[in-house]
């Protein structure tokens, strides 16, 4: 039997016959080792080989299928006659899939949020007993309860006691950044010397032993992380992943994947400097802006946090960054002050930018001319998304067709392409540039194929439903640039329809600090309704309200209606009499997300 290796592009073929394996023109950098082999009735020999490179990369091939990027076994059915089955690969940091017994008990304080819910779901899938508490129920908790977590509304020390089990208190307590230190559960855990972890330190603990791929940035990291996880899974990589949003295309529609391979893909959040606990091999920075005004005093403090994050990248690692972001460019300048960048060029124009003491490599992407990976000729497509031509080092590589609209999603997809290409780049070191180019083209082609199938994540321009003349969408946008980006995407898709926006400001500090930017962010809307501020963890020490924003908006007409209930009543009265189709967009990080389904339900009764 012949198994043709398309990726990692070992020259020619590996020939498999019975229990013998030979190679033609295989580089001496590769080692082939028989791990196991047994004869199946009627199907010849089922052989499992390990294919190793000196750089510790290992891969899987099964029959004549193409398993790119990072899988780590060679499996083949010799002598024909029978279908191949995927063998259990060697485990990375995730342990054995056969380990079903509970590892212990972890309690999450603030389990209903997007961050801790993903960590709790991953722990459940990996065999931990999970409990948690929050002050209100969230839709993330529905899935956790269904998966077996014991959940509580409100906080009490009794939630950390289970006299019916041998383990009467948790082995660890993980605490959301939004929880105050005088919380009853935290105090109780302290009194019993139960190990306490903030979100960042828990992530640092569970990612030990993995090859970490961290996606950071002020905006777009959830979508980019989801895109990347979806593509890598589609390519056959058995990843572990945690993401701050639900992804309908994941097997369970959730926000966590518990794989058994070496790669851990995670959304690296700068809030409370959570991302400083990890040491990634690969990192993405989508952009850098002053987003969490309750944590960072100014833009300089944000820059310093991201500089420290980049310095955490492992020696020889790769940073993928958006070169169009002014914040990213400022970061590059600060990093060069630590150690001036050195540039290496091949004859064909391939560039490596090496800097820091760690020798980390930077790869840029964006729409601008100076980026390593670029998108040009952007055009709306019939799917409601965007088509573009992909360039690498000025060379056309592929035509990309996304389901997602907006230039921001083009940038997100570029980050994914650059990252997957970087994962493959180390696997072809030592070959000439033309060989690398051919391999890169193969990787890009496969990546673009699956990017075209990605349909998005929950609460990111998510379609909620429609009535006769009303279409309702929901989005998490709560920063001026996020609002502007989603409205531009909506206008791209719905050129001639009325665009009505209901925006719920999130936190007083953000509204006070960015009021002028918010005032300019709604220009693509036809009508705007501003509600009262969703306070989250804050008190109104800024003497500001949603009314201040409504009176400041430049462009469309804007009304201030404090309560969501009153917004609902007004829209249900006005929508039926409107001549033409209306797009309703509910925007914000608070409970405004509940408004869309209520609008649709109420309109059905009119």
Protein backbone atom coordinates (compact mmCIF):
# COMPACT_ATOMS: atom_id res chain seq x y z
CA UNK A 1 0.00 0.00 0.00
CA UNK A 2 1.22 3.52 -0.75
CA UNK A 3 0.36 6.45 1.51
CA UNK A 4 0.98 9.79 -0.14
CA UNK A 5 1.88 12.49 2.34
CA UNK A 6 0.54 15.85 1.19
CA UNK A 7 1.44 17.53 4.44
CA UNK A 8 4.01 17.97 5.96
CA UNK A 9 5.18 17.39 2.39
CA UNK A 10 7.81 14.74 2.89
CA UNK A 11 9.26 14.09 -0.59
CA UNK A 12 7.54 11.35 -2.53
CA UNK A 13 5.82 8.50 -0.66
CA UNK A 14 6.00 6.25 2.32
CA UNK A 15 5.33 2.63 1.29
CA UNK A 16 3.53 0.47 3.81
CA UNK A 17 3.40 -3.30 3.40
CA UNK A 18 2.47 -5.72 6.15
CA UNK A 19 4.80 -5.06 9.11
CA UNK A 20 7.52 -3.42 7.05
CA UNK A 21 7.79 0.28 6.29
CA UNK A 22 10.27 1.85 3.91
CA UNK A 23 10.67 5.28 2.39
CA UNK A 24 11.74 6.83 -0.87
CA UNK A 25 13.83 9.97 -0.67
CA UNK A 26 12.68 10.67 2.88
CA UNK A 27 14.88 13.21 4.59
CA UNK A 28 17.15 11.91 7.34
CA UNK A 29 15.40 14.36 9.64
CA UNK A 30 12.45 11.95 9.78
CA UNK A 31 12.23 8.79 11.85
CA UNK A 32 9.64 6.02 11.30
CA UNK A 33 8.89 3.64 14.12
CA UNK A 34 6.40 0.79 14.32
CA UNK A 35 4.31 1.32 17.46
CA UNK A 36 1.84 -1.52 17.09
CA UNK A 37 0.48 -3.94 14.52
CA UNK A 38 -2.16 -6.62 14.59
CA UNK A 39 -3.94 -8.68 11.96
CA UNK A 40 -7.69 -8.22 11.50
CA UNK A 41 -9.85 -10.91 9.96
CA UNK A 42 -10.50 -10.03 6.35
CA UNK A 43 -8.74 -6.68 6.47
CA UNK A 44 -5.04 -7.39 6.42
CA UNK A 45 -2.69 -5.86 8.98
CA UNK A 46 -3.70 -2.78 10.94
CA UNK A 47 -0.44 -0.96 11.45
CA UNK A 48 0.25 2.11 13.58
CA UNK A 49 3.50 3.96 13.03
CA UNK A 50 4.90 7.03 14.67
CA UNK A 51 6.43 9.60 12.35
CA UNK A 52 8.85 11.93 14.11
CA UNK A 53 10.88 14.93 13.11
CA UNK A 54 13.83 16.17 15.13
CA UNK A 55 11.84 19.27 16.00
CA UNK A 56 9.44 17.05 17.97
CA UNK A 57 6.68 17.39 15.40
CA UNK A 58 4.64 14.23 14.93
CA UNK A 59 1.80 13.56 12.51
CA UNK A 60 -0.96 11.14 11.61
CA UNK A 61 -1.90 9.70 8.29
CA UNK A 62 -4.75 7.25 7.91
CA UNK A 63 -5.10 5.36 4.66
CA UNK A 64 -4.87 7.96 1.92
CA UNK A 65 -6.52 10.72 3.95
CA UNK A 66 -4.77 14.01 4.57
CA UNK A 67 -4.39 14.95 8.25
CA UNK A 68 -2.49 18.23 8.28
CA UNK A 69 -0.88 20.46 10.86
CA UNK A 70 -0.11 18.60 14.07
CA UNK A 71 -1.61 15.15 14.46
CA UNK A 72 0.84 12.65 15.68
CA UNK A 73 0.55 9.11 14.38
CA UNK A 74 0.84 7.32 11.09
CA UNK A 75 -1.88 4.69 10.82
CA UNK A 76 -2.51 2.49 7.80
CA UNK A 77 -4.39 -0.61 6.78
CA UNK A 78 -1.93 -2.75 4.86
CA UNK A 79 -2.73 -5.19 2.06
CA UNK A 80 -6.05 -3.44 1.26
CA UNK A 81 -9.51 -4.86 1.83
CA UNK A 82 -11.22 -3.08 4.70
CA UNK A 83 -11.81 0.35 6.06
CA UNK A 84 -9.32 2.14 8.26
CA UNK A 85 -10.17 3.32 11.74
CA UNK A 86 -8.55 6.17 13.60
CA UNK A 87 -6.24 4.99 16.36
CA UNK A 88 -5.99 6.74 19.69
CA UNK A 89 -3.01 9.05 19.36
CA UNK A 90 -0.35 9.76 21.93
CA UNK A 91 -1.64 12.22 24.45
CA UNK A 92 -0.37 15.74 24.83
CA UNK A 93 -1.10 17.69 27.97
CA UNK A 94 -4.65 16.45 28.07
CA UNK A 95 -4.14 12.95 29.45
CA UNK A 96 -5.84 9.76 28.39
CA UNK A 97 -9.32 9.70 26.96
CA UNK A 98 -10.00 6.45 28.82
CA UNK A 99 -9.65 8.17 32.16
CA UNK A 100 -13.27 8.46 33.21
CA UNK A 101 -12.96 8.57 36.98
CA UNK A 102 -13.36 11.95 38.66
CA UNK A 103 -10.10 13.74 39.25
CA UNK A 104 -11.45 15.79 42.14
CA UNK A 105 -13.83 18.65 42.85
CA UNK A 106 -13.49 22.21 41.59
CA UNK A 107 -15.89 24.99 42.59
CA UNK A 108 -16.28 28.11 40.39
CA UNK A 109 -17.42 31.39 41.96
CA UNK A 110 -19.06 33.43 39.18
CA UNK A 111 -19.64 30.40 36.98
CA UNK A 112 -22.32 32.06 34.82
CA UNK A 113 -19.93 34.32 32.91
CA UNK A 114 -18.46 33.55 29.51
CA UNK A 115 -14.96 33.04 30.89
CA UNK A 116 -15.52 30.79 33.90
CA UNK A 117 -18.30 28.81 32.22
CA UNK A 118 -15.84 27.69 29.51
CA UNK A 119 -13.28 26.64 32.13
CA UNK A 120 -15.95 24.76 34.08
CA UNK A 121 -17.20 22.96 30.96
CA UNK A 122 -13.66 21.93 30.03
CA UNK A 123 -13.06 20.61 33.54
CA UNK A 124 -16.31 18.61 33.35
CA UNK A 125 -15.25 17.07 30.05
CA UNK A 126 -11.86 16.19 31.52
CA UNK A 127 -13.39 14.27 34.42
CA UNK A 128 -13.62 16.77 37.26
CA UNK A 129 -16.61 17.10 39.56
CA UNK A 130 -17.85 20.68 39.12
CA UNK A 131 -19.99 23.01 41.20
CA UNK A 132 -20.48 26.74 40.93
CA UNK A 133 -22.45 29.77 41.95
CA UNK A 134 -23.53 33.11 40.56
CA UNK A 135 -25.96 35.84 41.49
CA UNK A 136 -28.19 35.27 38.44
CA UNK A 137 -28.78 32.43 36.02
CA UNK A 138 -27.21 32.64 32.55
CA UNK A 139 -27.67 30.57 29.41
CA UNK A 140 -24.14 29.24 29.88
CA UNK A 141 -25.36 27.58 33.05
CA UNK A 142 -28.03 25.62 31.14
CA UNK A 143 -25.36 23.61 29.35
CA UNK A 144 -23.28 23.17 32.50
CA UNK A 145 -26.24 21.84 34.47
CA UNK A 146 -27.11 19.46 31.64
CA UNK A 147 -23.50 18.22 31.63
CA UNK A 148 -23.64 17.42 35.34
CA UNK A 149 -22.48 20.51 37.21
CA UNK A 150 -24.12 21.33 40.56
CA UNK A 151 -25.12 24.99 40.32
CA UNK A 152 -26.38 27.54 42.84
CA UNK A 153 -27.96 30.99 42.62
CA UNK A 154 -26.47 33.25 45.26
CA UNK A 155 -23.29 32.76 47.28
CA UNK A 156 -23.00 30.70 50.46
CA UNK A 157 -20.35 28.73 52.28
CA UNK A 158 -22.70 25.75 52.16
CA UNK A 159 -22.01 25.46 48.42
CA UNK A 160 -18.48 24.34 49.31
CA UNK A 161 -19.59 21.52 51.60
CA UNK A 162 -20.71 18.06 50.53
CA UNK A 163 -21.08 15.71 53.49
CA UNK A 164 -22.47 12.95 51.27
CA UNK A 165 -19.12 12.41 49.57
CA UNK A 166 -15.70 11.40 50.80
CA UNK A 167 -14.34 14.67 49.42
CA UNK A 168 -16.35 17.02 51.64
CA UNK A 169 -14.80 20.27 50.36
CA UNK A 170 -13.43 21.22 46.92
CA UNK A 171 -9.88 20.51 45.90
CA UNK A 172 -9.75 24.00 44.40
CA UNK A 173 -11.89 27.14 44.09
CA UNK A 174 -11.69 29.29 40.95
CA UNK A 175 -12.89 32.88 41.26
CA UNK A 176 -14.08 35.31 38.59
CA UNK A 177 -12.40 38.71 38.40
CA UNK A 178 -15.82 40.27 38.99
CA UNK A 179 -16.16 38.71 42.47
CA UNK A 180 -15.16 40.88 45.48
CA UNK A 181 -12.61 39.48 47.91
CA UNK A 182 -15.04 39.59 50.84
CA UNK A 183 -17.34 37.10 49.11
CA UNK A 184 -18.60 34.51 51.59
CA UNK A 185 -17.37 31.56 49.55
CA UNK A 186 -13.88 33.03 49.18
CA UNK A 187 -13.69 33.73 52.91
CA UNK A 188 -14.78 30.18 53.71
CA UNK A 189 -12.22 28.70 51.31
CA UNK A 190 -9.50 30.82 52.92
CA UNK A 191 -10.47 29.59 56.38
CA UNK A 192 -10.05 25.95 55.31
CA UNK A 193 -6.88 26.61 53.29
CA UNK A 194 -8.56 25.42 50.08
CA UNK A 195 -6.40 26.50 47.12
CA UNK A 196 -7.88 29.62 45.52
CA UNK A 197 -7.26 30.55 41.89
CA UNK A 198 -8.23 33.62 39.95
CA UNK A 199 -9.15 32.89 36.35
CA UNK A 200 -5.69 33.71 35.02
CA UNK A 201 -3.81 31.52 37.49
CA UNK A 202 -6.20 28.60 36.87
CA UNK A 203 -5.62 28.89 33.11
CA UNK A 204 -1.87 28.91 33.76
CA UNK A 205 -2.25 25.68 35.76
CA UNK A 206 -4.38 23.76 33.26
CA UNK A 207 -2.31 24.74 30.22
CA UNK A 208 0.94 23.35 31.61
CA UNK A 209 2.38 20.72 29.31
CA UNK A 210 0.49 21.97 26.25
CA UNK A 211 1.64 23.82 23.16
CA UNK A 212 -0.45 26.94 23.86
CA UNK A 213 -1.94 29.03 21.05
CA UNK A 214 -3.27 32.24 22.63
CA UNK A 215 -5.58 34.69 20.85
CA UNK A 216 -5.57 38.12 22.46
CA UNK A 217 -6.65 41.64 21.58
CA UNK A 218 -9.13 44.29 22.62
CA UNK A 219 -11.72 43.22 20.04
CA UNK A 220 -12.37 40.20 17.85
CA UNK A 221 -10.62 37.58 19.95
CA UNK A 222 -13.71 35.39 20.51
CA UNK A 223 -14.51 35.17 16.80
CA UNK A 224 -10.85 34.68 15.87
CA UNK A 225 -10.37 31.96 18.49
CA UNK A 226 -13.53 30.20 17.32
CA UNK A 227 -12.45 30.46 13.68
CA UNK A 228 -9.04 29.03 14.52
CA UNK A 229 -10.43 26.18 16.63
CA UNK A 230 -12.97 25.32 13.93
CA UNK A 231 -10.31 25.27 11.20
CA UNK A 232 -7.81 23.21 13.20
CA UNK A 233 -10.48 20.68 14.16
CA UNK A 234 -11.62 20.48 10.55
CA UNK A 235 -8.03 19.87 9.48
CA UNK A 236 -7.82 16.96 11.90
CA UNK A 237 -6.01 18.51 14.86
CA UNK A 238 -7.22 17.02 18.16
CA UNK A 239 -7.07 20.32 20.06
CA UNK A 240 -8.23 21.44 23.47
CA UNK A 241 -9.90 24.86 23.38
CA UNK A 242 -11.73 27.40 25.54
CA UNK A 243 -13.59 30.36 24.06
CA UNK A 244 -15.64 33.17 25.59
CA UNK A 245 -18.73 32.50 23.48
CA UNK A 246 -20.85 29.60 22.27
CA UNK A 247 -20.00 28.21 18.84
CA UNK A 248 -22.95 26.51 17.13
CA UNK A 249 -20.61 24.50 14.87
CA UNK A 250 -18.83 22.85 17.79
CA UNK A 251 -20.09 19.28 18.40
CA UNK A 252 -22.14 20.35 21.45
CA UNK A 253 -22.64 23.96 20.39
CA UNK A 254 -20.66 25.03 23.44
CA UNK A 255 -17.55 26.99 24.34
CA UNK A 256 -15.01 24.28 25.18
CA UNK A 257 -13.32 21.33 23.47
CA UNK A 258 -11.50 18.63 25.43
CA UNK A 259 -9.04 17.08 23.02
CA UNK A 260 -6.05 14.81 23.51
CA UNK A 261 -3.45 16.39 21.24
CA UNK A 262 -0.65 18.77 22.21
CA UNK A 263 -2.32 22.05 21.17
CA UNK A 264 -4.37 24.18 23.56
CA UNK A 265 -6.20 27.04 21.78
CA UNK A 266 -7.51 29.69 24.13
CA UNK A 267 -8.97 33.16 24.17
CA UNK A 268 -6.43 35.18 26.17
CA UNK A 269 -8.24 38.00 27.94
CA UNK A 270 -6.42 41.14 29.03
CA UNK A 271 -9.11 41.92 31.62
CA UNK A 272 -7.53 41.91 35.09
CA UNK A 273 -4.31 40.99 33.24
CA UNK A 274 -5.62 37.44 33.04
CA UNK A 275 -3.42 36.58 30.05
CA UNK A 276 -0.14 37.18 31.89
CA UNK A 277 -0.22 33.75 33.51
CA UNK A 278 0.27 31.81 30.29
CA UNK A 279 3.37 31.17 28.20
CA UNK A 280 2.21 30.56 24.63
CA UNK A 281 4.19 29.11 21.77
CA UNK A 282 2.01 31.02 19.31
CA UNK A 283 0.11 34.23 20.03
CA UNK A 284 -2.28 36.43 18.07
CA UNK A 285 -2.93 40.10 18.86
CA UNK A 286 -5.97 41.30 16.92
CA UNK A 287 -5.67 44.93 18.04
CA UNK A 288 -4.81 46.99 21.12
CA UNK A 289 -7.15 49.69 22.45
CA UNK A 290 -8.24 51.16 25.74
CA UNK A 291 -11.19 48.87 26.42
CA UNK A 292 -11.44 47.99 30.13
CA UNK A 293 -11.42 51.42 31.69
CA UNK A 294 -12.14 50.00 35.14
CA UNK A 295 -8.89 48.02 35.04
CA UNK A 296 -6.46 50.16 33.02
CA UNK A 297 -5.90 53.80 33.90
CA UNK A 298 -4.93 54.85 30.39
CA UNK A 299 -3.72 53.58 27.03
CA UNK A 300 -0.14 53.38 28.29
CA UNK A 301 -1.13 50.84 30.94
CA UNK A 302 -2.88 48.75 28.28
CA UNK A 303 0.27 48.84 26.16
CA UNK A 304 2.39 47.75 29.11
CA UNK A 305 0.10 44.76 29.76
CA UNK A 306 0.35 43.62 26.14
CA UNK A 307 4.13 44.15 26.15
CA UNK A 308 4.39 41.86 29.16
CA UNK A 309 2.13 39.34 27.44
CA UNK A 310 4.34 39.24 24.35
CA UNK A 311 7.41 38.76 26.53
CA UNK A 312 5.73 35.60 27.86
CA UNK A 313 5.92 33.96 24.41
CA UNK A 314 8.25 30.99 24.55
CA UNK A 315 11.73 31.23 22.99
CA UNK A 316 11.47 30.59 19.28
CA UNK A 317 7.72 31.28 19.35
CA UNK A 318 5.64 33.28 16.91
CA UNK A 319 3.56 36.43 17.32
CA UNK A 320 0.83 37.07 14.74
CA UNK A 321 -0.27 40.71 14.94
CA UNK A 322 -2.52 43.05 12.98
CA UNK A 323 -0.22 45.59 11.39
CA UNK A 324 -3.16 47.91 10.69
CA UNK A 325 -3.82 48.47 14.41
CA UNK A 326 -2.23 51.69 15.71
CA UNK A 327 -1.96 50.04 19.12
CA UNK A 328 -0.06 47.10 17.66
CA UNK A 329 2.36 49.42 15.89
CA UNK A 330 2.96 51.27 19.14
CA UNK A 331 3.70 47.93 20.79
CA UNK A 332 6.22 47.05 18.08
CA UNK A 333 8.05 50.30 18.79
CA UNK A 334 8.16 49.59 22.52
CA UNK A 335 9.47 46.09 21.92
CA UNK A 336 12.25 47.36 19.66
CA UNK A 337 13.39 49.63 22.46
CA UNK A 338 13.95 46.49 24.55
CA UNK A 339 15.95 44.93 21.75
CA UNK A 340 16.21 46.37 18.23
CA UNK A 341 14.61 44.21 15.57
CA UNK A 342 16.78 42.36 13.09
CA UNK A 343 15.53 41.42 9.64
CA UNK A 344 16.43 38.50 7.44
CA UNK A 345 15.40 38.32 3.77
CA UNK A 346 15.60 35.45 1.35
CA UNK A 347 16.22 36.02 -2.33
CA UNK A 348 12.51 35.55 -2.97
CA UNK A 349 11.58 38.24 -0.45
CA UNK A 350 10.49 36.13 2.51
CA UNK A 351 11.03 38.11 5.69
CA UNK A 352 11.73 37.09 9.25
CA UNK A 353 11.56 39.71 11.96
CA UNK A 354 13.40 38.56 15.07
CA UNK A 355 13.41 40.52 18.29
CA UNK A 356 13.52 40.22 22.10
CA UNK A 357 15.95 38.05 23.97
CA UNK A 358 13.68 35.09 23.26
CA UNK A 359 14.14 35.39 19.51
CA UNK A 360 10.40 35.55 18.89
CA UNK A 361 9.30 35.96 15.30
CA UNK A 362 6.61 38.46 14.30
CA UNK A 363 4.24 38.03 11.37
CA UNK A 364 1.83 40.81 10.45
CA UNK A 365 -1.53 40.77 8.69
CA UNK A 366 -4.00 43.40 7.56
CA UNK A 367 -5.24 45.44 4.63
CA UNK A 368 -2.22 47.74 4.47
CA UNK A 369 0.67 47.32 2.05
CA UNK A 370 3.34 46.62 4.67
CA UNK A 371 1.79 43.45 6.08
CA UNK A 372 3.09 39.93 5.46
CA UNK A 373 -0.45 38.63 4.89
CA UNK A 374 -2.93 40.94 3.14
CA UNK A 375 -6.48 40.97 1.88
CA UNK A 376 -7.23 42.96 -1.27
CA UNK A 377 -10.22 43.39 -3.58
CA UNK A 378 -12.84 43.07 -0.82
CA UNK A 379 -16.35 42.53 -2.20
CA UNK A 380 -19.74 41.60 -0.70
CA UNK A 381 -20.84 38.12 -1.74
CA UNK A 382 -24.19 36.38 -2.18
CA UNK A 383 -23.89 34.68 1.23
CA UNK A 384 -24.07 38.01 3.01
CA UNK A 385 -20.36 37.88 3.73
CA UNK A 386 -17.17 39.13 2.11
CA UNK A 387 -14.92 37.81 -0.67
CA UNK A 388 -11.29 38.84 -1.00
CA UNK A 389 -7.99 37.91 -2.60
CA UNK A 390 -5.29 36.71 -0.21
CA UNK A 391 -1.69 37.85 -0.68
CA UNK A 392 1.40 36.58 1.10
CA UNK A 393 4.61 38.56 0.67
CA UNK A 394 2.87 40.24 -2.28
CA UNK A 395 2.10 36.90 -3.96
CA UNK A 396 -1.56 35.97 -4.65
CA UNK A 397 -2.30 32.79 -2.71
CA UNK A 398 -6.05 32.19 -2.81
CA UNK A 399 -9.52 33.64 -3.21
CA UNK A 400 -11.39 33.60 0.10
CA UNK A 401 -15.17 33.66 0.51
CA UNK A 402 -16.51 34.24 4.03
CA UNK A 403 -20.01 33.83 5.42
CA UNK A 404 -19.27 36.72 7.77
CA UNK A 405 -19.62 40.34 6.69
CA UNK A 406 -17.48 43.31 7.63
CA UNK A 407 -13.82 44.22 7.24
CA UNK A 408 -13.20 43.21 10.86
CA UNK A 409 -14.04 39.59 10.01
CA UNK A 410 -11.69 39.72 7.03
CA UNK A 411 -8.96 40.67 9.50
CA UNK A 412 -9.99 37.85 11.83
CA UNK A 413 -9.71 35.34 9.01
CA UNK A 414 -6.28 36.68 8.02
CA UNK A 415 -5.06 36.08 11.58
CA UNK A 416 -6.20 32.45 11.34
CA UNK A 417 -4.53 31.90 7.97
CA UNK A 418 -1.26 33.41 9.21
CA UNK A 419 -1.35 31.29 12.36
CA UNK A 420 -2.01 27.99 10.59
CA UNK A 421 0.71 28.79 8.05
CA UNK A 422 3.11 29.55 10.92
CA UNK A 423 2.27 26.20 12.52
CA UNK A 424 3.34 24.49 9.31
CA UNK A 425 6.41 26.67 8.69
CA UNK A 426 8.62 24.93 11.24
CA UNK A 427 7.77 21.60 9.66
CA UNK A 428 9.55 22.56 6.42
CA UNK A 429 12.65 24.25 7.86
CA UNK A 430 15.73 23.09 6.04
CA UNK A 431 14.05 22.92 2.64
CA UNK A 432 14.49 25.58 -0.02
CA UNK A 433 12.16 28.56 -0.33
CA UNK A 434 10.29 27.17 -3.33
CA UNK A 435 9.53 24.03 -1.33
CA UNK A 436 8.30 26.17 1.58
CA UNK A 437 6.14 28.19 -0.79
CA UNK A 438 4.51 25.04 -2.20
CA UNK A 439 3.80 23.77 1.32
CA UNK A 440 2.39 27.14 2.38
CA UNK A 441 0.06 27.18 -0.61
CA UNK A 442 -1.25 23.72 0.31
CA UNK A 443 -1.85 24.80 3.90
CA UNK A 444 -3.55 28.02 2.84
CA UNK A 445 -5.81 26.20 0.40
CA UNK A 446 -6.98 23.79 3.12
CA UNK A 447 -7.41 26.61 5.66
CA UNK A 448 -9.48 28.75 3.28
CA UNK A 449 -11.69 25.77 2.47
CA UNK A 450 -12.80 25.54 6.10
CA UNK A 451 -12.92 29.29 6.69
CA UNK A 452 -15.56 29.39 3.97
CA UNK A 453 -17.65 26.96 6.04
CA UNK A 454 -17.43 28.90 9.29
CA UNK A 455 -20.75 30.58 10.09
CA UNK A 456 -19.94 32.56 13.22
CA UNK A 457 -20.50 32.51 16.98
CA UNK A 458 -23.34 33.40 19.29
CA UNK A 459 -23.92 37.07 20.07
CA UNK A 460 -21.82 38.26 17.13
CA UNK A 461 -24.24 39.63 14.55
CA UNK A 462 -26.38 36.63 15.41
CA UNK A 463 -29.69 36.21 13.61
CA UNK A 464 -32.44 35.78 16.21
CA UNK A 465 -35.53 35.57 14.02
CA UNK A 466 -38.05 37.45 11.85
CA UNK A 467 -41.66 38.42 11.46
CA UNK A 468 -43.33 39.76 8.31
CA UNK A 469 -41.29 42.96 8.02
CA UNK A 470 -38.86 42.76 10.95
CA UNK A 471 -35.52 40.93 11.19
CA UNK A 472 -33.83 40.80 14.60
CA UNK A 473 -30.07 40.44 15.17
CA UNK A 474 -28.06 40.50 18.37
CA UNK A 475 -24.43 41.46 19.03
CA UNK A 476 -22.13 41.74 22.03
CA UNK A 477 -20.68 45.09 20.85
CA UNK A 478 -20.11 47.39 23.83
CA UNK A 479 -17.10 49.49 22.74
CA UNK A 480 -17.36 52.34 20.18
CA UNK A 481 -15.19 50.55 17.62
CA UNK A 482 -17.18 47.33 18.06
CA UNK A 483 -20.44 49.22 17.57
CA UNK A 484 -19.09 50.92 14.46
CA UNK A 485 -17.80 47.63 13.04
CA UNK A 486 -21.06 45.71 13.46
CA UNK A 487 -23.12 48.58 12.03
CA UNK A 488 -20.83 48.77 9.01
CA UNK A 489 -21.27 45.02 8.54
CA UNK A 490 -25.05 45.37 8.86
CA UNK A 491 -25.13 48.21 6.33
CA UNK A 492 -23.00 46.14 3.93
CA UNK A 493 -25.48 43.29 4.11
CA UNK A 494 -28.69 45.35 4.25
CA UNK A 495 -28.02 48.30 1.99
CA UNK A 496 -31.59 49.50 1.51
CA UNK A 497 -33.33 48.40 4.72
CA UNK A 498 -34.03 50.51 7.78
CA UNK A 499 -31.51 49.84 10.54
CA UNK A 500 -32.83 50.41 14.07
CA UNK A 501 -30.42 49.96 16.96
CA UNK A 502 -31.11 49.36 20.64
CA UNK A 503 -27.90 49.97 22.56
CA UNK A 504 -27.38 49.22 26.24
CA UNK A 505 -24.21 50.93 27.54
CA UNK A 506 -22.05 48.56 29.59
CA UNK A 507 -20.43 50.01 32.74
CA UNK A 508 -20.34 53.66 33.76
CA UNK A 509 -16.55 53.89 33.47
CA UNK A 510 -16.59 52.89 29.80
CA UNK A 511 -19.40 55.29 28.92
CA UNK A 512 -17.77 58.19 30.78
CA UNK A 513 -14.31 57.60 29.32
CA UNK A 514 -15.45 57.01 25.73
CA UNK A 515 -18.53 59.20 25.43
CA UNK A 516 -17.20 61.20 22.48
CA UNK A 517 -16.22 58.03 20.61
CA UNK A 518 -19.65 56.50 21.25
CA UNK A 519 -21.32 59.64 19.88
CA UNK A 520 -19.70 59.02 16.47
CA UNK A 521 -20.17 55.25 16.36
CA UNK A 522 -23.81 55.04 15.19
CA UNK A 523 -23.61 56.86 11.85
CA UNK A 524 -24.65 53.78 9.81
CA UNK A 525 -27.92 53.41 11.77
CA UNK A 526 -31.22 55.05 10.82
CA UNK A 527 -32.55 55.17 14.36
CA UNK A 528 -31.02 54.58 17.80
CA UNK A 529 -32.55 53.85 21.20
CA UNK A 530 -30.26 54.10 24.22
CA UNK A 531 -31.21 52.37 27.47
CA UNK A 532 -29.93 52.87 30.99
CA UNK A 533 -26.40 51.68 31.75
CA UNK A 534 -25.86 48.02 32.58
CA UNK A 535 -23.76 48.62 35.68
CA UNK A 536 -22.29 45.11 36.04
CA UNK A 537 -19.73 45.43 38.84
CA UNK A 538 -19.76 49.24 39.15
CA UNK A 539 -21.36 52.07 41.06
CA UNK A 540 -22.19 55.31 39.23
CA UNK A 541 -19.44 57.51 40.61
CA UNK A 542 -19.12 59.23 37.22
CA UNK A 543 -22.48 61.03 37.27
CA UNK A 544 -23.34 59.80 33.80
CA UNK A 545 -26.29 57.99 32.23
CA UNK A 546 -27.54 56.65 28.92
CA UNK A 547 -29.41 59.92 28.46
CA UNK A 548 -26.08 61.72 28.09
CA UNK A 549 -25.16 59.41 25.22
CA UNK A 550 -28.54 59.75 23.50
CA UNK A 551 -28.21 63.54 23.47
CA UNK A 552 -24.64 63.31 22.13
CA UNK A 553 -25.13 60.96 19.16
CA UNK A 554 -24.21 62.53 15.84
CA UNK A 555 -26.11 61.40 12.75
CA UNK A 556 -29.26 59.32 13.26
CA UNK A 557 -32.15 60.27 15.53
CA UNK A 558 -31.64 58.96 19.06
CA UNK A 559 -34.04 58.44 21.97
CA UNK A 560 -33.36 57.59 25.58
CA UNK A 561 -35.66 54.91 26.99
CA UNK A 562 -34.28 53.63 30.28
CA UNK A 563 -36.07 50.30 30.75
CA UNK A 564 -36.03 47.38 28.33
CA UNK A 565 -39.71 46.80 29.06
CA UNK A 566 -40.57 50.29 27.77
CA UNK A 567 -38.34 49.77 24.71
CA UNK A 568 -40.26 46.59 23.98
CA UNK A 569 -43.64 48.32 24.22
CA UNK A 570 -42.56 51.15 21.92
CA UNK A 571 -41.10 48.91 19.23
CA UNK A 572 -44.08 46.53 19.23
CA UNK A 573 -46.39 49.51 18.68
CA UNK A 574 -44.34 51.06 15.86
CA UNK A 575 -42.95 48.14 13.84
CA UNK A 576 -46.27 46.86 12.39
CA UNK A 577 -47.15 50.25 10.92
CA UNK A 578 -43.75 50.82 9.30
CA UNK A 579 -43.79 50.67 5.50
CA UNK A 580 -40.84 48.53 4.52
CA UNK A 581 -38.47 46.06 6.13
CA UNK A 582 -36.67 46.80 9.39
CA UNK A 583 -33.46 45.37 10.79
CA UNK A 584 -33.45 45.50 14.60
CA UNK A 585 -29.99 45.24 16.19
CA UNK A 586 -29.73 44.79 19.96
CA UNK A 587 -26.21 45.72 21.08
CA UNK A 588 -24.45 45.41 24.42
CA UNK A 589 -22.77 43.07 26.88
CA UNK A 590 -25.65 43.06 29.37
CA UNK A 591 -29.20 41.70 29.43
CA UNK A 592 -30.22 43.57 26.27
CA UNK A 593 -29.67 40.19 24.59
CA UNK A 594 -33.02 39.09 26.05
CA UNK A 595 -34.90 41.80 24.16
CA UNK A 596 -34.80 40.33 20.64
CA UNK A 597 -36.75 37.12 21.35
CA UNK A 598 -39.32 39.14 23.32
CA UNK A 599 -39.83 41.52 20.40
CA UNK A 600 -40.51 38.61 18.06
CA UNK A 601 -42.86 36.89 20.51
CA UNK A 602 -44.82 40.09 21.10
CA UNK A 603 -45.12 40.90 17.39
CA UNK A 604 -46.67 37.48 16.76
CA UNK A 605 -49.53 38.48 19.06
CA UNK A 606 -50.24 41.80 17.33
